[in-house]
Protein backbone atom coordinates (compact mmCIF):
# COMPACT_ATOMS: atom_id res chain seq x y z
CA MET A 1 179.51 -73.26 -25.59
CA LYS A 2 180.94 -70.26 -27.39
CA LYS A 3 184.09 -68.26 -26.65
CA LYS A 4 184.84 -64.78 -27.92
CA TYR A 5 188.05 -64.10 -29.76
CA VAL A 6 189.81 -61.07 -31.20
CA TYR A 7 191.31 -61.33 -34.68
CA TRP A 8 192.73 -59.27 -37.53
CA GLN A 9 194.49 -59.71 -40.83
CA ASP A 10 198.10 -58.57 -41.08
CA TYR A 11 199.20 -58.78 -44.70
CA ASP A 12 198.74 -62.44 -45.69
CA MET A 13 198.29 -63.85 -42.15
CA TRP A 14 195.36 -63.91 -39.74
CA LEU A 15 196.25 -63.30 -36.08
CA GLY A 16 194.12 -63.63 -32.99
CA TYR A 17 193.62 -64.65 -29.39
CA LEU A 18 190.82 -65.81 -27.14
CA GLU A 19 189.32 -62.86 -25.27
CA GLU A 20 189.61 -64.78 -22.00
CA TYR A 21 193.32 -65.52 -22.60
CA PRO A 22 194.82 -62.40 -24.25
CA ASP A 23 198.43 -63.48 -23.67
CA TYR A 24 198.15 -66.52 -25.94
CA TRP A 25 198.15 -65.42 -29.57
CA THR A 26 198.10 -67.63 -32.62
CA GLN A 27 197.98 -67.21 -36.38
CA GLY A 28 196.87 -68.89 -39.57
CA GLU A 29 197.21 -68.44 -43.31
CA THR A 30 193.39 -68.33 -43.53
CA GLU A 31 190.69 -67.24 -41.12
CA GLU A 32 189.55 -70.88 -40.92
CA LYS A 33 193.07 -72.05 -39.97
CA LEU A 34 193.20 -69.32 -37.32
CA LYS A 35 189.97 -70.68 -35.81
CA GLU A 36 191.44 -74.21 -35.73
CA ASN A 37 194.54 -72.89 -33.97
CA LEU A 38 192.40 -70.98 -31.47
CA LEU A 39 190.55 -74.20 -30.66
CA ASP A 40 193.87 -75.98 -30.11
CA ILE A 41 195.04 -73.25 -27.75
CA TYR A 42 191.73 -73.36 -25.87
CA HIS A 43 192.04 -77.11 -25.29
CA LYS A 44 195.65 -76.74 -24.11
CA LEU A 45 194.78 -73.89 -21.74
CA THR A 46 191.77 -75.63 -20.24
CA GLY A 47 193.26 -79.13 -20.11
CA ASN A 48 195.32 -78.46 -16.96
CA ASN A 49 198.50 -79.28 -18.89
CA LEU A 50 200.01 -75.82 -18.56
CA SER A 51 200.95 -73.83 -15.48
CA ASN A 52 200.88 -70.08 -14.78
CA ILE A 53 198.02 -69.36 -17.17
CA ARG A 54 196.87 -65.74 -17.02
CA LYS A 55 193.20 -64.96 -17.64
CA VAL A 56 190.93 -61.92 -17.88
CA ALA A 57 187.99 -61.64 -15.44
CA GLU A 58 185.55 -59.01 -14.24
CA LEU A 59 185.43 -57.49 -10.80
CA GLU A 60 182.35 -55.66 -9.59
CA VAL A 61 183.16 -52.49 -7.68
CA SER A 62 180.80 -50.10 -6.00
């Protein structure tokens, strides 16, 4: 399974968030560390250990 994420470099830090969970940002000193932190966040968000998690979804309108 793959998940999309948004990321950018801000000076010497890499910042990002999972596209599905835009409210939950993380950072890392390298792009690889950012990816590790994104995986940690994903497991926390999907492990039913947190409440009031906001997500992004699509709604079909006609």
